[in-house]
C-alpha atoms as a PDB file:
ATOM      1  CA  MET A   1       1.174  25.155  97.041  1.00  0.00           C
ATOM      2  CA  PHE A   2       0.951  22.835  94.668  1.00  0.00           C
ATOM      3  CA  LEU A   3       0.740  19.681  96.711  1.00  0.00           C
ATOM      4  CA  THR A   4       0.262  21.095  99.976  1.00  0.00           C
ATOM      5  CA  GLU A   5      -3.419  23.472  98.733  1.00  0.00           C
ATOM      6  CA  PRO A   6      -6.157  20.992  97.931  1.00  0.00           C
ATOM      7  CA  ILE A   7      -8.157  23.871  96.123  1.00  0.00           C
ATOM      8  CA  VAL A   8      -5.332  25.125  94.108  1.00  0.00           C
ATOM      9  CA  LEU A   9      -4.258  21.096  93.136  1.00  0.00           C
ATOM     10  CA  THR A  10      -8.004  20.881  91.800  1.00  0.00           C
ATOM     11  CA  LEU A  11      -8.293  23.713  89.770  1.00  0.00           C
ATOM     12  CA  SER A  12      -4.859  24.139  88.560  1.00  0.00           C
ATOM     13  CA  PHE A  13      -5.715  19.852  87.433  1.00  0.00           C
ATOM     14  CA  LEU A  14      -8.506  21.959  85.765  1.00  0.00           C
ATOM     15  CA  SER A  15      -7.082  24.523  84.013  1.00  0.00           C
ATOM     16  CA  GLY A  16      -4.257  22.033  83.108  1.00  0.00           C
ATOM     17  CA  PHE A  17      -6.345  19.581  81.819  1.00  0.00           C
ATOM     18  CA  SER A  18      -9.000  22.582  79.540  1.00  0.00           C
ATOM     19  CA  ASP A  19      -5.497  23.879  78.282  1.00  0.00           C
ATOM     20  CA  ALA A  20      -4.195  20.811  77.236  1.00  0.00           C
ATOM     21  CA  LEU A  21      -7.221  20.046  74.880  1.00  0.00           C
ATOM     22  CA  ILE A  22      -7.163  22.382  72.852  1.00  0.00           C
ATOM     23  CA  PHE A  23      -3.692  21.295  72.482  1.00  0.00           C
ATOM     24  CA  MET A  24      -4.209  17.916  72.012  1.00  0.00           C
ATOM     25  CA  GLN A  25      -7.231  18.740  69.789  1.00  0.00           C
ATOM     26  CA  ILE A  26      -5.121  20.801  67.259  1.00  0.00           C
ATOM     27  CA  GLN A  27      -2.962  17.733  66.445  1.00  0.00           C
ATOM     28  CA  SER A  28      -6.211  15.243  66.193  1.00  0.00           C
ATOM     29  CA  PHE A  29      -8.277  18.298  63.737  1.00  0.00           C
ATOM     30  CA  VAL A  30      -5.657  16.971  60.782  1.00  0.00           C
ATOM     31  CA  LEU A  31      -6.828  13.123  61.425  1.00  0.00           C
ATOM     32  CA  VAL A  32     -10.676  14.635  62.098  1.00  0.00           C
ATOM     33  CA  TYR A  33     -10.447  16.934  58.907  1.00  0.00           C
ATOM     34  CA  ARG A  34      -8.818  14.856  56.576  1.00  0.00           C
ATOM     35  CA  GLN A  35     -11.785  12.568  55.987  1.00  0.00           C
ATOM     36  CA  TRP A  36     -14.133  15.629  54.408  1.00  0.00           C
ATOM     37  CA  GLY A  37     -11.000  16.520  51.886  1.00  0.00           C
ATOM     38  CA  PHE A  38      -9.886  19.830  54.063  1.00  0.00           C
ATOM     39  CA  SER A  39      -6.071  20.201  53.576  1.00  0.00           C
ATOM     40  CA  THR A  40      -3.411  21.291  55.400  1.00  0.00           C
ATOM     41  CA  VAL A  41      -3.537  24.465  54.688  1.00  0.00           C
ATOM     42  CA  ASP A  42      -7.241  24.772  55.671  1.00  0.00           C
ATOM     43  CA  GLY A  43      -6.634  26.592  59.651  1.00  0.00           C
ATOM     44  CA  LEU A  44     -10.538  27.430  58.833  1.00  0.00           C
ATOM     45  CA  ALA A  45     -11.082  24.380  61.643  1.00  0.00           C
ATOM     46  CA  PHE A  46      -9.412  26.693  64.430  1.00  0.00           C
ATOM     47  CA  ILE A  47     -12.602  29.388  63.586  1.00  0.00           C
ATOM     48  CA  PRO A  48     -14.827  27.946  66.151  1.00  0.00           C
ATOM     49  CA  ILE A  49     -12.032  28.324  68.964  1.00  0.00           C
ATOM     50  CA  GLY A  50     -12.047  31.393  68.661  1.00  0.00           C
ATOM     51  CA  ILE A  51     -15.485  32.546  68.501  1.00  0.00           C
ATOM     52  CA  GLY A  52     -15.795  30.186  71.869  1.00  0.00           C
ATOM     53  CA  TYR A  53     -12.938  32.571  73.283  1.00  0.00           C
ATOM     54  CA  LEU A  54     -15.123  35.299  72.132  1.00  0.00           C
ATOM     55  CA  ILE A  55     -18.729  33.732  73.083  1.00  0.00           C
ATOM     56  CA  ALA A  56     -17.359  33.123  76.692  1.00  0.00           C
ATOM     57  CA  TRP A  57     -15.400  36.900  77.012  1.00  0.00           C
ATOM     58  CA  VAL A  58     -19.343  38.713  75.860  1.00  0.00           C
ATOM     59  CA  SER A  59     -20.733  36.080  78.541  1.00  0.00           C
ATOM     60  CA  PHE A  60     -18.622  37.386  81.809  1.00  0.00           C
ATOM     61  CA  ILE A  61     -19.752  41.146  81.115  1.00  0.00           C
ATOM     62  CA  PRO A  62     -22.951  40.667  82.340  1.00  0.00           C
ATOM     63  CA  ALA A  63     -22.243  37.662  84.925  1.00  0.00           C
ATOM     64  CA  ILE A  64     -19.341  39.897  86.777  1.00  0.00           C
ATOM     65  CA  ARG A  65     -21.719  42.566  86.915  1.00  0.00           C
ATOM     66  CA  ARG A  66     -23.586  40.612  88.916  1.00  0.00           C
ATOM     67  CA  ASN A  67     -20.849  39.145  91.013  1.00  0.00           C
ATOM     68  CA  ARG A  68     -20.187  42.867  92.227  1.00  0.00           C
ATOM     69  CA  ARG A  69     -23.372  43.742  93.066  1.00  0.00           C
ATOM     70  CA  GLU A  70     -23.739  40.338  95.382  1.00  0.00           C
ATOM     71  CA  ARG A  71     -20.958  41.380  97.098  1.00  0.00           C
ATOM     72  CA  ALA A  72     -21.895  44.570  97.520  1.00  0.00           C
ATOM     73  CA  LEU A  73     -25.165  43.474  98.691  1.00  0.00           C
ATOM     74  CA  LYS A  74     -23.429  40.590 101.281  1.00  0.00           C
ATOM     75  CA  LEU A  75     -20.373  42.199 102.375  1.00  0.00           C
ATOM     76  CA  GLY A  76     -20.296  39.918 105.917  1.00  0.00           C
ATOM     77  CA  ASP A  77     -21.421  36.316 103.545  1.00  0.00           C
ATOM     78  CA  GLU A  78     -17.936  35.266 103.275  1.00  0.00           C
ATOM     79  CA  HIS A  79     -19.639  32.973 100.119  1.00  0.00           C
ATOM     80  CA  ALA A  80     -20.622  36.063  98.857  1.00  0.00           C
ATOM     81  CA  GLN A  81     -17.435  36.980  98.791  1.00  0.00           C
ATOM     82  CA  TYR A  82     -15.354  34.281  97.160  1.00  0.00           C
ATOM     83  CA  GLU A  83     -16.980  31.222  95.978  1.00  0.00           C
ATOM     84  CA  SER A  84     -19.279  33.249  93.417  1.00  0.00           C
ATOM     85  CA  ARG A  85     -16.810  34.250  91.713  1.00  0.00           C
ATOM     86  CA  LEU A  86     -17.090  30.429  90.768  1.00  0.00           C
ATOM     87  CA  TRP A  87     -21.177  31.460  90.329  1.00  0.00           C
ATOM     88  CA  TRP A  88     -21.014  31.646  86.382  1.00  0.00           C
ATOM     89  CA  LEU A  89     -18.074  28.918  85.951  1.00  0.00           C
ATOM     90  CA  LEU A  90     -20.578  26.956  87.401  1.00  0.00           C
ATOM     91  CA  TYR A  91     -22.550  27.027  83.942  1.00  0.00           C
ATOM     92  CA  THR A  92     -20.178  27.627  81.558  1.00  0.00           C
ATOM     93  CA  ALA A  93     -17.663  24.546  83.238  1.00  0.00           C
ATOM     94  CA  LEU A  94     -20.160  21.945  81.366  1.00  0.00           C
ATOM     95  CA  CYS A  95     -19.412  23.422  77.988  1.00  0.00           C
ATOM     96  CA  LEU A  96     -16.318  21.053  78.335  1.00  0.00           C
ATOM     97  CA  PRO A  97     -17.892  17.842  78.746  1.00  0.00           C
ATOM     98  CA  ILE A  98     -21.263  18.943  76.231  1.00  0.00           C
ATOM     99  CA  GLY A  99     -18.274  19.747  73.420  1.00  0.00           C
ATOM    100  CA  LEU A 100     -15.907  17.111  73.551  1.00  0.00           C
ATOM    101  CA  ILE A 101     -18.638  14.610  72.871  1.00  0.00           C
ATOM    102  CA  ILE A 102     -20.310  16.717  70.719  1.00  0.00           C
ATOM    103  CA  PHE A 103     -16.792  17.002  68.129  1.00  0.00           C
ATOM    104  CA  ALA A 104     -16.192  13.008  69.315  1.00  0.00           C
ATOM    105  CA  TRP A 105     -19.222  11.201  67.598  1.00  0.00           C
ATOM    106  CA  THR A 106     -19.281  14.424  65.178  1.00  0.00           C
ATOM    107  CA  SER A 107     -15.306  13.361  64.220  1.00  0.00           C
ATOM    108  CA  GLY A 108     -16.584   9.888  62.242  1.00  0.00           C
ATOM    109  CA  GLY A 109     -16.412  11.051  58.910  1.00  0.00           C
ATOM    110  CA  PRO A 110     -18.925  11.458  56.300  1.00  0.00           C
ATOM    111  CA  PRO A 111     -21.084  11.540  55.849  1.00  0.00           C
ATOM    112  CA  VAL A 112     -22.076  13.330  59.087  1.00  0.00           C
ATOM    113  CA  HIS A 113     -21.207  16.405  58.560  1.00  0.00           C
ATOM    114  CA  TRP A 114     -18.096  18.601  59.447  1.00  0.00           C
ATOM    115  CA  ILE A 115     -19.644  21.366  60.995  1.00  0.00           C
ATOM    116  CA  GLY A 116     -21.134  19.062  63.921  1.00  0.00           C
ATOM    117  CA  THR A 117     -16.650  18.692  65.019  1.00  0.00           C
ATOM    118  CA  MET A 118     -17.007  23.015  64.700  1.00  0.00           C
ATOM    119  CA  VAL A 119     -19.863  22.947  66.761  1.00  0.00           C
ATOM    120  CA  GLY A 120     -17.925  21.007  69.584  1.00  0.00           C
ATOM    121  CA  SER A 121     -14.786  22.476  69.444  1.00  0.00           C
ATOM    122  CA  ALA A 122     -17.039  25.742  70.079  1.00  0.00           C
ATOM    123  CA  ILE A 123     -18.234  25.207  73.296  1.00  0.00           C
ATOM    124  CA  ILE A 124     -14.698  23.785  73.581  1.00  0.00           C
ATOM    125  CA  GLY A 125     -13.342  27.106  73.226  1.00  0.00           C
ATOM    126  CA  ILE A 126     -15.808  28.626  75.546  1.00  0.00           C
ATOM    127  CA  ALA A 127     -15.345  26.088  78.254  1.00  0.00           C
ATOM    128  CA  ASN A 128     -11.302  26.817  78.265  1.00  0.00           C
ATOM    129  CA  TYR A 129     -11.567  31.073  78.522  1.00  0.00           C
ATOM    130  CA  SER A 130     -14.152  30.819  81.154  1.00  0.00           C
ATOM    131  CA  ILE A 131     -12.136  28.086  83.607  1.00  0.00           C
ATOM    132  CA  TYR A 132      -9.328  30.111  83.025  1.00  0.00           C
ATOM    133  CA  MET A 133     -10.789  33.544  83.550  1.00  0.00           C
ATOM    134  CA  ALA A 134     -12.910  32.664  86.743  1.00  0.00           C
ATOM    135  CA  ILE A 135     -10.666  29.909  88.932  1.00  0.00           C
ATOM    136  CA  ILE A 136      -7.510  32.985  88.590  1.00  0.00           C
ATOM    137  CA  ASP A 137     -10.411  36.099  89.807  1.00  0.00           C
ATOM    138  CA  TYR A 138     -10.751  33.542  92.253  1.00  0.00           C
ATOM    139  CA  MET A 139      -7.913  31.828  93.266  1.00  0.00           C
ATOM    140  CA  ILE A 140      -5.741  35.645  93.266  1.00  0.00           C
ATOM    141  CA  CYS A 141      -9.309  36.784  95.914  1.00  0.00           C
ATOM    142  CA  ALA A 142      -8.709  34.269  97.621  1.00  0.00           C
ATOM    143  CA  TYR A 143      -4.824  33.301  98.743  1.00  0.00           C
ATOM    144  CA  GLY A 144      -4.618  37.787  98.551  1.00  0.00           C
ATOM    145  CA  PRO A 145      -0.869  38.788  98.172  1.00  0.00           C
ATOM    146  CA  TYR A 146      -0.295  34.801  97.919  1.00  0.00           C
ATOM    147  CA  SER A 147      -1.799  34.528  94.942  1.00  0.00           C
ATOM    148  CA  ALA A 148       1.754  34.424  92.248  1.00  0.00           C
ATOM    149  CA  SER A 149       2.326  31.342  94.662  1.00  0.00           C
ATOM    150  CA  ALA A 150      -1.213  29.518  94.109  1.00  0.00           C
ATOM    151  CA  THR A 151      -1.791  30.592  90.239  1.00  0.00           C
ATOM    152  CA  GLY A 152       2.084  30.374  89.696  1.00  0.00           C
ATOM    153  CA  GLY A 153       0.676  26.112  90.946  1.00  0.00           C
ATOM    154  CA  ASN A 154      -1.764  27.253  87.658  1.00  0.00           C
ATOM    155  CA  GLY A 155      -0.293  28.547  85.812  1.00  0.00           C
ATOM    156  CA  TRP A 156       2.432  25.387  85.845  1.00  0.00           C
ATOM    157  CA  SER A 157      -0.062  22.918  85.367  1.00  0.00           C
ATOM    158  CA  ARG A 158      -1.433  24.582  81.805  1.00  0.00           C
ATOM    159  CA  ASP A 159       1.634  24.698  80.741  1.00  0.00           C
ATOM    160  CA  PHE A 160       2.989  20.973  81.699  1.00  0.00           C
ATOM    161  CA  LEU A 161      -0.041  19.060  80.995  1.00  0.00           C
ATOM    162  CA  ALA A 162       0.136  20.949  77.849  1.00  0.00           C
ATOM    163  CA  GLY A 163       3.681  20.511  76.913  1.00  0.00           C
ATOM    164  CA  VAL A 164       2.688  16.846  78.286  1.00  0.00           C
ATOM    165  CA  LEU A 165       0.137  16.259  76.447  1.00  0.00           C
ATOM    166  CA  THR A 166       0.903  16.670  73.065  1.00  0.00           C
ATOM    167  CA  VAL A 167       3.452  14.395  72.056  1.00  0.00           C
ATOM    168  CA  PRO A 168       0.849  11.398  72.770  1.00  0.00           C
ATOM    169  CA  ALA A 169      -1.922  13.544  71.045  1.00  0.00           C
ATOM    170  CA  THR A 170      -1.632  12.016  67.152  1.00  0.00           C
ATOM    171  CA  PRO A 171      -1.473   7.961  68.868  1.00  0.00           C
ATOM    172  CA  PHE A 172      -4.119   8.003  70.788  1.00  0.00           C
ATOM    173  CA  TYR A 173      -6.305   9.290  68.285  1.00  0.00           C
ATOM    174  CA  THR A 174      -4.545   6.619  66.369  1.00  0.00           C
ATOM    175  CA  ASN A 175      -4.390   3.692  68.479  1.00  0.00           C
ATOM    176  CA  ILE A 176      -7.403   3.761  70.257  1.00  0.00           C
ATOM    177  CA  GLY A 177     -10.758   2.493  69.333  1.00  0.00           C
ATOM    178  CA  GLY A 178     -10.230   0.549  66.203  1.00  0.00           C
ATOM    179  CA  ALA A 179     -12.661   1.268  63.515  1.00  0.00           C
ATOM    180  CA  ARG A 180     -14.095   3.843  66.210  1.00  0.00           C
ATOM    181  CA  HIS A 181     -10.304   5.474  67.531  1.00  0.00           C
ATOM    182  CA  LEU A 182     -11.459   9.409  67.007  1.00  0.00           C
ATOM    183  CA  GLU A 183     -14.776   8.863  69.063  1.00  0.00           C
ATOM    184  CA  ILE A 184     -13.620   6.717  71.325  1.00  0.00           C
ATOM    185  CA  ALA A 185     -10.287   9.045  71.901  1.00  0.00           C
ATOM    186  CA  SER A 186     -12.689  12.229  72.458  1.00  0.00           C
ATOM    187  CA  THR A 187     -15.337  10.545  74.571  1.00  0.00           C
ATOM    188  CA  ILE A 188     -12.062   8.746  77.220  1.00  0.00           C
ATOM    189  CA  LEU A 189     -10.945  13.001  77.483  1.00  0.00           C
ATOM    190  CA  PHE A 190     -14.998  13.509  78.095  1.00  0.00           C
ATOM    191  CA  CYS A 191     -14.848  11.258  80.860  1.00  0.00           C
ATOM    192  CA  ILE A 192     -12.383  12.513  82.413  1.00  0.00           C
ATOM    193  CA  SER A 193     -13.841  16.140  81.887  1.00  0.00           C
ATOM    194  CA  LEU A 194     -16.555  15.414  83.991  1.00  0.00           C
ATOM    195  CA  LEU A 195     -14.776  14.157  86.960  1.00  0.00           C
ATOM    196  CA  LEU A 196     -12.759  17.377  86.554  1.00  0.00           C
ATOM    197  CA  VAL A 197     -16.033  19.382  86.513  1.00  0.00           C
ATOM    198  CA  CYS A 198     -17.225  17.948  89.319  1.00  0.00           C
ATOM    199  CA  ALA A 199     -14.443  19.908  91.228  1.00  0.00           C
ATOM    200  CA  VAL A 200     -15.756  23.641  90.510  1.00  0.00           C
ATOM    201  CA  TYR A 201     -19.572  23.043  91.507  1.00  0.00           C
ATOM    202  CA  ALA A 202     -17.307  21.467  95.302  1.00  0.00           C
ATOM    203  CA  ILE A 203     -15.467  23.759  95.861  1.00  0.00           C
ATOM    204  CA  TYR A 204     -18.257  26.387  94.499  1.00  0.00           C
ATOM    205  CA  TYR A 205     -20.459  25.302  97.264  1.00  0.00           C
ATOM    206  CA  TYR A 206     -18.164  23.444  99.579  1.00  0.00           C
ATOM    207  CA  GLY A 207     -14.830  26.217  99.508  1.00  0.00           C
ATOM    208  CA  PRO A 208     -15.333  28.102 103.276  1.00  0.00           C
ATOM    209  CA  GLU A 209     -15.132  24.307 104.632  1.00  0.00           C
ATOM    210  CA  LEU A 210     -12.310  23.331 102.357  1.00  0.00           C
ATOM    211  CA  TRP A 211     -10.286  26.746 103.700  1.00  0.00           C
ATOM    212  CA  LYS A 212     -11.482  25.874 107.477  1.00  0.00           C
ATOM    213  CA  ARG A 213      -9.448  22.396 107.145  1.00  0.00           C
ATOM    214  CA  SER A 214      -6.243  24.114 105.179  1.00  0.00           C
ATOM    215  CA  PRO A 215      -3.353  24.087 107.388  1.00  0.00           C
ATOM    216  CA  PHE A 216      -2.113  27.464 105.233  1.00  0.00           C
ATOM    217  CA  ALA A 217      -5.059  29.120 105.393  1.00  0.00           C
ATOM    218  CA  GLU A 218      -4.654  29.502 108.773  1.00  0.00           C
ATOM    219  CA  ASN A 219      -1.174  29.332 108.776  1.00  0.00           C
ATOM    220  CA  LEU A 220      -2.078  32.909 107.010  1.00  0.00           C
ATOM    221  CA  ALA A 221      -4.617  34.084 109.229  1.00  0.00           C
ATOM    222  CA  SER A 222      -2.508  33.790 113.000  1.00  0.00           C
ATOM    223  CA  LYS A 223      -0.271  36.516 110.660  1.00  0.00           C
ATOM    224  CA  VAL A 224      -1.475  38.453 107.801  1.00  0.00           C
ATOM    225  CA  THR A 225      -3.861  41.660 108.189  1.00  0.00           C
ATOM    226  CA  SER A 226      -4.908  42.911 105.691  1.00  0.00           C
ATOM    227  CA  GLU A 227      -7.936  44.196 104.240  1.00  0.00           C
ATOM    228  CA  ASP A 228      -8.918  44.411  99.563  1.00  0.00           C
ATOM    229  CA  HIS A 229     -11.045  46.961  98.607  1.00  0.00           C
ATOM    230  CA  GLY A 230     -13.102  47.552 102.294  1.00  0.00           C
ATOM    231  CA  THR A 231     -13.175  44.059 102.820  1.00  0.00           C
ATOM    232  CA  PRO A 232     -10.898  41.585 104.288  1.00  0.00           C
ATOM    233  CA  HIS A 233      -9.175  38.760 102.939  1.00  0.00           C
ATOM    234  CA  ARG A 234     -10.213  35.034 102.694  1.00  0.00           C
ATOM    235  CA  ARG A 235      -7.673  34.596 105.653  1.00  0.00           C
ATOM    236  CA  ILE A 236      -8.329  36.868 107.414  1.00  0.00           C
ATOM    237  CA  SER A 237     -11.460  35.510 108.267  1.00  0.00           C
ATOM    238  CA  ARG A 238     -11.054  33.187 110.444  1.00  0.00           C
ATOM    239  CA  LEU A 239      -9.731  35.547 112.591  1.00  0.00           C
ATOM    240  CA  PRO A 240     -12.108  36.545 115.873  1.00  0.00           C
ATOM    241  CA  SER A 241     -13.986  39.551 115.770  1.00  0.00           C
ATOM    242  CA  ASN A 242     -11.403  41.549 117.733  1.00  0.00           C
ATOM    243  CA  GLU A 243      -8.518  40.540 115.668  1.00  0.00           C
ATOM    244  CA  ILE A 244      -9.416  41.905 112.733  1.00  0.00           C
ATOM    245  CA  GLY A 245      -8.270  44.953 111.346  1.00  0.00           C
END
């Protein structure tokens, strides 16, 4: 499914890249914060990421309540039942490029204050948590009993990209961009994140059309009829009404 389902592939790359950013940033902290005289034991630089996670967790409470109300009011609306789970991500996913560009151009050292980079890290933390939570929720709902395979591809992408990109992270931050190597390196990551975040909007607005073109979804629709809390799984919505159990 990771290779054959465009939705799984795209969202897995977004989730994997977001996860890898955390590990790449950890590698860059030594280079960035030594400019302000931070020592190797100054773990306070990692706290903003945790703060970002906490802010994102709290923000999902009203977002989940809103989504539940929408699903209850629009039982026959496929977009409300599935893509609406990505609604809050339309806003929080933007934190990824925003946090990166803030981190990039406050990481050059004095006279810029180090608090700027920590603000950027906190915003990236918001995006990282939100991307993971919203994407997993959407995949589990959309793929029903096959969600383990869909989310398995997502998990593999996160682990693989995080592991692979951690190794070249320090050379990447050191050798790109000359005198502005720290700023340029994070700006490159900012540009990549912009492209990936665009995928969230595409799937949110065009998810039903993309699903109709999925060979895997069509195959499921022809074989399985099941319900989740009274709402047919997405693959069933493609069946004629007289075939829905």
